[in-house]
Protein backbone atom coordinates (compact mmCIF):
# COMPACT_ATOMS: atom_id res chain seq x y z
CA MET A 1 -14.45 213.32 100.22
CA ARG A 2 -17.15 210.92 99.13
CA ALA A 3 -15.14 209.89 96.03
CA LEU A 4 -12.13 209.14 98.19
CA PHE A 5 -14.25 207.00 100.47
CA TRP A 6 -15.58 204.92 97.55
CA LEU A 7 -12.06 204.53 96.12
CA VAL A 8 -10.81 203.17 99.42
CA ALA A 9 -13.86 200.87 99.67
CA VAL A 10 -13.21 199.43 96.16
CA PHE A 11 -9.55 198.75 96.92
CA ALA A 12 -10.48 197.15 100.23
CA ALA A 13 -13.02 194.91 98.48
CA ALA A 14 -10.38 193.93 95.88
CA VAL A 15 -7.89 193.03 98.59
CA ALA A 16 -10.54 191.06 100.45
CA LEU A 17 -11.45 189.10 97.32
CA ALA A 18 -7.76 188.37 96.57
CA LEU A 19 -7.18 187.09 100.06
CA ALA A 20 -10.35 185.05 99.95
CA GLY A 21 -9.27 183.52 96.64
CA ARG A 22 -5.89 182.50 98.02
CA VAL A 23 -7.32 181.05 101.20
CA SER A 24 -10.42 179.33 99.74
CA ASP A 25 -9.95 175.94 98.05
CA GLY A 26 -13.59 175.65 96.99
CA TYR A 27 -14.70 175.22 93.39
CA VAL A 28 -17.90 175.09 91.34
CA LEU A 29 -18.59 172.22 88.94
CA VAL A 30 -20.95 172.86 86.02
CA VAL A 31 -22.05 169.73 84.14
CA TYR A 32 -23.86 169.97 80.80
CA PRO A 33 -23.33 166.65 78.97
CA PRO A 34 -21.09 166.04 77.30
CA TRP A 35 -19.25 169.01 78.88
CA ARG A 36 -17.90 169.52 82.39
CA VAL A 37 -16.65 172.91 83.55
CA GLU A 38 -14.86 173.34 86.81
CA LEU A 39 -14.40 176.91 88.12
CA SER A 40 -12.96 178.27 91.29
CA LEU A 41 -15.48 179.60 93.77
CA LEU A 42 -14.18 183.17 93.52
CA LEU A 43 -14.39 183.21 89.73
CA SER A 44 -17.91 181.79 89.88
CA VAL A 45 -19.04 184.51 92.25
CA LEU A 46 -17.51 187.16 90.00
CA ALA A 47 -19.15 185.63 86.91
CA VAL A 48 -22.60 185.60 88.57
CA ALA A 49 -22.15 189.21 89.68
CA ALA A 50 -21.08 190.26 86.20
CA ALA A 51 -24.04 188.45 84.62
CA PHE A 52 -26.44 190.11 87.02
CA ALA A 53 -24.95 193.56 86.30
CA LEU A 54 -25.20 192.96 82.55
CA ALA A 55 -28.81 191.80 82.83
CA TYR A 56 -29.67 194.82 84.97
CA VAL A 57 -28.11 197.26 82.51
CA THR A 58 -29.88 195.56 79.60
CA VAL A 59 -33.29 195.74 81.31
CA ARG A 60 -32.78 199.39 82.21
CA LEU A 61 -31.73 200.22 78.68
CA ILE A 62 -34.78 198.51 77.21
CA SER A 63 -37.03 200.25 79.77
CA HIS A 64 -35.63 203.70 78.92
CA THR A 65 -35.94 202.97 75.21
CA LEU A 66 -39.61 202.02 75.55
CA ALA A 67 -40.36 205.07 77.77
CA LEU A 68 -38.59 207.49 75.45
CA PRO A 69 -41.72 208.63 73.49
CA ALA A 70 -43.61 209.39 76.71
CA GLN A 71 -40.64 211.30 78.09
CA VAL A 72 -40.40 213.33 74.89
CA ARG A 73 -44.12 214.17 75.12
CA ALA A 74 -43.77 215.17 78.77
CA PHE A 75 -40.77 217.33 77.92
CA ARG A 76 -42.67 219.08 75.16
CA GLU A 77 -45.70 219.64 77.41
CA ARG A 78 -43.47 221.01 80.16
CA ARG A 79 -41.76 223.34 77.73
CA GLN A 80 -45.17 224.48 76.39
CA ARG A 81 -46.40 225.19 79.92
CA ASP A 82 -43.26 227.19 80.64
CA HIS A 83 -43.75 229.21 77.48
CA ALA A 84 -47.43 229.77 78.37
CA GLN A 85 -46.59 230.94 81.88
CA THR A 86 -43.95 233.25 80.43
CA ALA A 87 -46.51 234.65 77.98
CA LEU A 88 -49.05 235.17 80.78
CA ALA A 89 -46.49 237.02 82.92
CA ALA A 90 -45.48 239.11 79.89
CA ALA A 91 -49.15 239.96 79.23
CA LEU A 92 -49.58 241.24 82.78
CA LEU A 93 -46.37 243.24 82.61
CA CYS A 94 -47.29 244.80 79.25
CA TYR A 95 -50.80 245.64 80.50
CA PHE A 96 -49.47 247.49 83.53
CA GLU A 97 -46.90 249.23 81.34
CA GLY A 98 -49.67 250.47 79.07
CA ARG A 99 -48.59 248.41 76.05
CA PHE A 100 -52.07 247.09 75.42
CA ALA A 101 -51.56 245.67 71.91
CA ARG A 102 -48.62 243.58 73.13
CA ALA A 103 -50.55 242.59 76.25
CA GLU A 104 -53.45 241.27 74.17
CA LYS A 105 -51.06 239.33 71.93
CA GLU A 106 -49.23 237.71 74.85
CA ALA A 107 -52.50 236.93 76.59
CA GLY A 108 -53.72 235.30 73.38
CA LEU A 109 -50.63 233.10 73.28
CA ALA A 110 -51.19 232.10 76.91
CA TRP A 111 -54.85 231.34 76.18
CA GLU A 112 -53.97 229.17 73.19
CA ALA A 113 -51.38 227.30 75.26
CA GLY A 114 -53.97 226.63 77.96
CA ALA A 115 -52.16 228.43 80.79
CA ALA A 116 -54.97 229.77 83.01
CA PRO A 117 -57.16 230.38 79.94
CA GLY A 118 -59.83 232.28 81.88
CA LEU A 119 -57.32 234.69 83.39
CA ALA A 120 -55.58 235.15 80.03
CA ALA A 121 -58.92 235.93 78.37
CA LEU A 122 -59.74 238.58 81.01
CA ILE A 123 -56.35 240.26 80.53
CA ALA A 124 -56.90 240.27 76.76
CA ALA A 125 -60.42 241.69 77.24
CA ARG A 126 -59.10 244.54 79.39
CA ALA A 127 -56.34 245.28 76.88
CA ALA A 128 -58.81 245.31 73.98
CA HIS A 129 -61.08 247.64 75.97
CA GLN A 130 -58.24 250.09 76.49
CA MET A 131 -57.72 250.13 72.72
CA ARG A 132 -61.50 250.64 72.23
CA GLU A 133 -61.73 247.36 70.35
CA TYR A 134 -65.12 246.51 71.78
CA GLU A 135 -65.91 243.62 69.43
CA ARG A 136 -62.70 241.80 70.40
CA ARG A 137 -63.36 242.65 74.03
CA GLY A 138 -66.72 240.88 73.80
CA GLN A 139 -65.11 237.83 72.22
CA TRP A 140 -62.53 237.60 74.99
CA LEU A 141 -65.25 237.92 77.65
CA GLU A 142 -67.13 235.04 76.01
CA ARG A 143 -63.96 232.95 76.12
CA ALA A 144 -63.53 233.80 79.80
CA GLU A 145 -67.11 232.68 80.41
CA ALA A 146 -66.35 229.39 78.67
CA ALA A 147 -63.46 228.81 81.08
CA GLY A 148 -65.89 227.57 83.74
CA GLU A 149 -67.46 228.57 87.04
CA SER A 150 -64.10 229.39 88.60
CA MET A 151 -63.95 232.54 86.46
CA HIS A 152 -67.61 233.51 86.87
CA ALA A 153 -67.15 236.20 89.53
CA ALA A 154 -63.97 237.59 87.97
CA ARG A 155 -65.63 237.81 84.56
CA LEU A 156 -68.71 239.62 85.87
CA LEU A 157 -66.62 242.03 87.92
CA THR A 158 -64.45 242.79 84.88
CA GLN A 159 -67.52 243.20 82.69
CA ALA A 160 -69.03 245.63 85.22
CA GLU A 161 -65.84 247.64 85.55
CA LEU A 162 -65.48 247.99 81.78
CA ALA A 163 -69.16 248.98 81.48
CA LEU A 164 -68.69 251.67 84.14
CA ASP A 165 -65.72 252.99 82.23
CA GLU A 166 -68.06 253.44 79.24
CA ARG A 167 -70.73 254.97 81.50
CA ASP A 168 -73.01 252.05 80.74
CA PHE A 169 -74.48 252.11 84.22
CA VAL A 170 -77.39 249.78 83.48
CA GLY A 171 -75.09 247.13 81.99
CA ALA A 172 -72.72 247.41 84.96
CA ARG A 173 -75.61 247.17 87.40
CA ASP A 174 -77.02 244.05 85.71
CA ALA A 175 -73.61 242.34 85.79
CA LEU A 176 -73.05 243.16 89.45
CA ARG A 177 -76.55 242.11 90.47
CA SER A 178 -76.02 238.81 88.66
CA MET A 179 -72.76 238.37 90.54
CA HIS A 180 -74.38 239.11 93.90
CA GLY A 181 -77.21 236.75 93.09
CA THR A 182 -74.91 233.78 92.49
CA GLY A 183 -72.06 234.34 94.96
CA PRO A 184 -70.78 236.27 97.96
CA ARG A 185 -71.00 240.04 98.07
CA HIS A 186 -67.59 241.66 98.22
CA ILE A 187 -66.72 245.19 99.27
CA ALA A 188 -65.18 245.96 95.87
CA SER A 189 -68.27 244.84 93.97
CA ALA A 190 -70.56 246.72 96.39
CA ARG A 191 -68.60 249.93 95.74
CA MET A 192 -68.93 249.41 92.01
CA LEU A 193 -72.64 248.67 92.39
CA LEU A 194 -73.05 251.93 94.32
CA ARG A 195 -71.48 253.82 91.42
CA ALA A 196 -73.65 251.98 88.91
CA GLU A 197 -76.88 252.60 90.84
CA ARG A 198 -75.98 256.25 91.18
CA GLY A 199 -75.35 256.53 87.45
CA ALA A 200 -78.65 254.75 86.75
CA GLN A 201 -80.36 257.18 89.20
CA ASN A 202 -81.73 254.39 91.35
CA TRP A 203 -81.59 256.51 94.49
CA GLU A 204 -83.25 254.05 96.87
CA GLU A 205 -80.46 251.56 96.19
CA VAL A 206 -77.88 254.34 96.52
CA LEU A 207 -79.18 255.01 100.04
CA ARG A 208 -79.05 251.33 100.99
CA LEU A 209 -75.56 250.72 99.59
CA ALA A 210 -74.08 253.92 101.01
CA SER A 211 -75.38 253.04 104.48
CA LEU A 212 -74.15 249.44 104.16
CA LEU A 213 -70.64 250.43 103.05
CA ALA A 214 -70.38 253.12 105.71
CA LYS A 215 -71.40 250.60 108.38
CA ARG A 216 -68.65 248.22 107.20
CA GLY A 217 -66.07 250.99 107.18
CA ALA A 218 -65.60 250.60 103.42
CA LEU A 219 -66.67 254.16 102.65
CA ALA A 220 -65.44 257.36 104.26
CA PRO A 221 -68.17 259.00 106.39
CA ALA A 222 -68.02 262.24 104.39
CA ILE A 223 -68.40 260.37 101.08
CA ALA A 224 -71.23 258.24 102.43
CA GLU A 225 -72.98 261.40 103.65
CA GLU A 226 -72.59 263.01 100.22
CA HIS A 227 -74.17 259.96 98.57
CA ARG A 228 -77.09 260.02 101.01
CA VAL A 229 -77.62 263.76 100.67
CA GLN A 230 -77.71 263.61 96.89
CA ALA A 231 -80.09 260.64 97.00
CA TYR A 232 -82.47 262.45 99.36
CA ILE A 233 -82.39 265.59 97.19
CA GLU A 234 -83.21 263.60 94.06
CA LEU A 235 -85.98 261.63 95.77
CA LEU A 236 -87.51 264.83 97.13
CA ALA A 237 -87.33 266.45 93.70
CA ARG A 238 -89.25 263.50 92.26
CA GLU A 239 -91.87 263.60 95.01
CA SER A 240 -95.27 264.60 93.72
CA GLY A 241 -98.74 264.66 95.11
CA ASP A 242 -100.01 266.12 98.33
CA ARG A 243 -98.66 266.91 101.76
CA GLY A 244 -99.32 263.36 102.95
CA SER A 245 -96.95 261.78 100.43
CA LEU A 246 -94.29 264.41 101.15
CA GLU A 247 -94.56 263.84 104.89
CA ALA A 248 -94.33 260.08 104.32
CA ARG A 249 -91.08 260.65 102.42
CA LEU A 250 -89.77 262.97 105.15
CA ARG A 251 -90.50 260.38 107.83
CA ARG A 252 -88.22 257.94 106.02
CA ILE A 253 -85.31 260.38 106.22
CA PRO A 254 -83.31 260.18 109.49
CA ALA A 255 -83.35 263.39 111.53
CA PRO A 256 -79.60 264.13 111.11
CA ASP A 257 -79.88 263.82 107.33
CA LEU A 258 -83.09 265.86 107.19
CA ALA A 259 -81.34 268.62 109.14
CA HIS A 260 -78.57 268.80 106.53
CA PRO A 261 -78.85 272.25 104.84
CA ARG A 262 -79.02 270.89 101.28
CA VAL A 263 -81.64 268.28 102.17
CA ALA A 264 -83.61 270.87 104.11
CA VAL A 265 -83.51 273.23 101.10
CA ALA A 266 -84.84 270.50 98.80
CA ALA A 267 -87.57 269.53 101.28
CA ALA A 268 -88.56 273.16 101.90
CA ARG A 269 -88.78 273.91 98.19
CA ARG A 270 -90.93 270.85 97.66
CA ALA A 271 -93.24 271.95 100.48
CA ALA A 272 -93.39 275.46 99.02
CA ALA A 273 -94.29 274.05 95.61
CA LEU A 274 -97.24 272.28 97.26
CA GLY A 275 -98.28 275.53 98.98
CA GLU A 276 -97.45 274.15 102.43
CA ALA A 277 -95.83 277.26 103.94
CA ALA A 278 -96.11 275.99 107.52
CA LEU A 279 -94.32 272.76 106.66
CA GLU A 280 -91.66 274.70 104.74
CA ARG A 281 -91.13 276.97 107.75
CA GLU A 282 -90.90 274.01 110.13
CA LEU A 283 -88.29 272.26 107.97
CA ILE A 284 -86.09 275.33 107.67
CA GLU A 285 -86.32 276.17 111.38
CA ARG A 286 -85.42 272.60 112.34
CA SER A 287 -82.38 272.61 110.06
CA LEU A 288 -81.19 276.04 111.18
CA GLY A 289 -81.55 274.92 114.78
CA ALA A 290 -79.17 272.05 114.12
CA GLU A 291 -76.70 273.83 111.83
CA TRP A 292 -76.70 277.45 110.74
CA SER A 293 -76.73 278.08 106.98
CA GLY A 294 -76.94 281.51 105.40
CA ALA A 295 -78.38 280.09 102.18
CA LEU A 296 -81.15 278.38 104.14
CA ALA A 297 -81.81 281.56 106.09
CA LEU A 298 -82.22 283.43 102.79
CA LEU A 299 -84.75 280.81 101.63
CA TYR A 300 -86.68 281.47 104.84
CA GLY A 301 -87.64 284.87 103.43
CA ASP A 302 -89.08 283.51 100.16
CA LEU A 303 -92.88 283.74 100.12
CA GLN A 304 -93.44 284.41 96.43
CA LYS A 305 -95.62 281.32 95.87
CA LEU A 306 -98.24 282.35 98.42
CA GLU A 307 -101.27 284.54 97.95
CA ALA A 308 -100.96 288.11 99.22
CA GLN A 309 -102.92 287.69 102.45
CA LYS A 310 -101.40 284.30 103.27
CA ALA A 311 -97.95 285.66 102.52
CA LYS A 312 -98.58 288.61 104.84
CA ASP A 313 -99.71 286.39 107.72
CA GLU A 314 -96.90 283.90 107.21
CA ALA A 315 -94.34 286.72 106.97
CA ARG A 316 -95.29 288.10 110.38
CA VAL A 317 -94.81 284.66 111.96
CA ARG A 318 -91.42 284.26 110.30
CA ILE A 319 -90.24 287.77 111.17
CA GLU A 320 -90.67 287.02 114.85
CA ARG A 321 -88.53 283.89 114.59
CA ALA A 322 -85.90 285.45 112.32
CA GLU A 323 -85.43 288.43 114.63
CA ARG A 324 -84.56 286.01 117.43
CA TRP A 325 -81.88 284.49 115.19
CA LEU A 326 -80.59 287.99 114.53
CA ARG A 327 -79.36 288.21 118.13
CA GLU A 328 -76.76 285.53 117.40
CA HIS A 329 -76.19 286.27 113.69
CA ALA A 330 -76.43 290.03 113.56
CA GLU A 331 -73.84 290.31 110.79
CA ASP A 332 -75.21 287.62 108.49
CA PRO A 333 -76.12 289.42 105.22
CA GLN A 334 -78.37 286.60 104.04
CA LEU A 335 -80.43 286.62 107.23
CA LEU A 336 -80.76 290.40 106.98
CA ALA A 337 -81.83 290.07 103.32
CA ALA A 338 -84.41 287.44 104.33
CA LEU A 339 -85.78 289.76 106.99
CA GLY A 340 -86.01 292.54 104.41
CA ARG A 341 -88.02 290.31 102.07
CA LEU A 342 -90.29 289.21 104.90
CA CYS A 343 -90.91 292.80 105.95
CA MET A 344 -91.83 293.65 102.35
CA ALA A 345 -94.29 290.74 102.30
CA ALA A 346 -95.74 292.02 105.61
CA GLU A 347 -95.87 295.56 104.14
CA LEU A 348 -93.44 296.90 106.74
CA TRP A 349 -91.71 299.13 104.20
CA GLY A 350 -89.43 301.09 106.51
CA LYS A 351 -88.12 298.00 108.31
CA ALA A 352 -87.68 296.26 104.98
CA GLN A 353 -85.45 299.04 103.65
CA ASN A 354 -83.39 299.11 106.86
CA TYR A 355 -82.79 295.36 106.81
CA LEU A 356 -81.90 295.32 103.11
CA GLU A 357 -79.46 298.21 103.44
CA ALA A 358 -77.92 296.53 106.50
CA SER A 359 -77.50 293.36 104.47
CA LEU A 360 -75.66 295.25 101.73
CA SER A 361 -73.39 296.87 104.29
CA PHE A 362 -72.00 293.42 105.15
CA GLY A 363 -71.77 292.14 101.59
CA PRO A 364 -73.30 292.66 98.12
CA SER A 365 -76.27 290.47 97.32
CA ARG A 366 -78.43 290.18 94.19
CA ALA A 367 -81.46 289.37 96.33
CA ALA A 368 -81.03 292.50 98.46
CA TYR A 369 -80.48 294.75 95.43
CA LEU A 370 -83.55 293.33 93.67
CA GLU A 371 -85.75 293.83 96.73
CA LEU A 372 -84.51 297.41 97.14
CA ALA A 373 -85.23 298.03 93.47
CA ARG A 374 -88.78 296.73 93.84
CA LEU A 375 -89.24 298.83 96.96
CA ALA A 376 -87.99 301.94 95.15
CA GLU A 377 -90.28 301.22 92.20
CA ARG A 378 -93.24 300.90 94.50
CA GLU A 379 -92.49 304.29 96.04
CA GLY A 380 -91.97 305.89 92.61
CA ARG A 381 -88.19 306.33 92.86
CA SER A 382 -87.42 305.10 89.33
CA ALA A 383 -83.81 306.33 89.14
CA GLU A 384 -82.91 304.62 92.39
CA ALA A 385 -84.70 301.44 91.26
CA GLN A 386 -82.70 301.39 88.01
CA LYS A 387 -79.48 301.82 89.98
CA HIS A 388 -80.33 298.83 92.17
CA PHE A 389 -81.34 296.71 89.16
CA ARG A 390 -78.05 297.56 87.46
CA ARG A 391 -76.00 296.60 90.52
CA ALA A 392 -77.92 293.34 90.82
CA GLY A 393 -77.17 292.57 87.19
CA GLU A 394 -73.44 293.15 87.74
CA LEU A 395 -73.27 290.45 90.41
CA PRO A 396 -72.73 286.80 89.43
């Protein structure tokens, strides 16, 4: 349609010029001594237009000729960038496909071509790591570092992730701490730092990070609780000194976490190791009041680290409390076994045997069999004691 329009316009212009030439009597006189040239007005106009068109075409041709080297350079640079971007995309694709050797090669081509050199170096570093080429991985990380500040966080995060994969927790922690010290703290890096601190057994930091991530909703409550529980257990296991230092540690543990059965077991065992039977009893009773645990109830009957008279007095106090629990947990074999052990410590031999046999009626237990064996040995029933020892040895 457009071509038809221009064709009609050209014909119309030609007709208009022909009519103008027939009607117009004007002329143009050009004098250049000794010559005189007389031209019709129409022909003069056409000559000027033709000269202008020729001059325009000549100037454009010269301009394009002079600009040709620059255009060739631009074309080559554009083609190089396209090839580099293609290589970078191929490197990513090969990395996700698990073709790590090809991924490193394509990333190297992209790096040499200058297409996002920092990103290309990180892809090559990850690929080299997957192939366990740690020397080349280090070289690529150095090249990523040389790419500038824009790649600083990405390089440190990659370095930490690769260190965690090698179980180099200290190296990962140092990289992540450096990242947090120079830039914003991201959820992903905080999760990695939690893993690194846990591997490095820095339990105070594990507590802080687990609480922080749980507060931000970046960690499932059950997982955050598991991190806290393990940290408290490890910190309690490291606790040394007297009752004062242990109580100071316990005061820093929130009540819900201290009532957790595993934390209560660790705290009670630490108190028992210090000879603090009253503190051990208080910790176990507090935990069992919040959440019943058969394993914790069984620990309640352990008085082996006390002297005979102290064990006897402590056992009588504990028997009174445990028998109140028995009203609600009459069929708990571990509570019955604990009562049997406490009665033996209190020298209530008949009650001890009744509780231990009742415990075995609800489920086999090494602790109950061993206590019955000791009780039988004490009363001179060697054959029965051997039978109980044998049954205890058969249990896992």
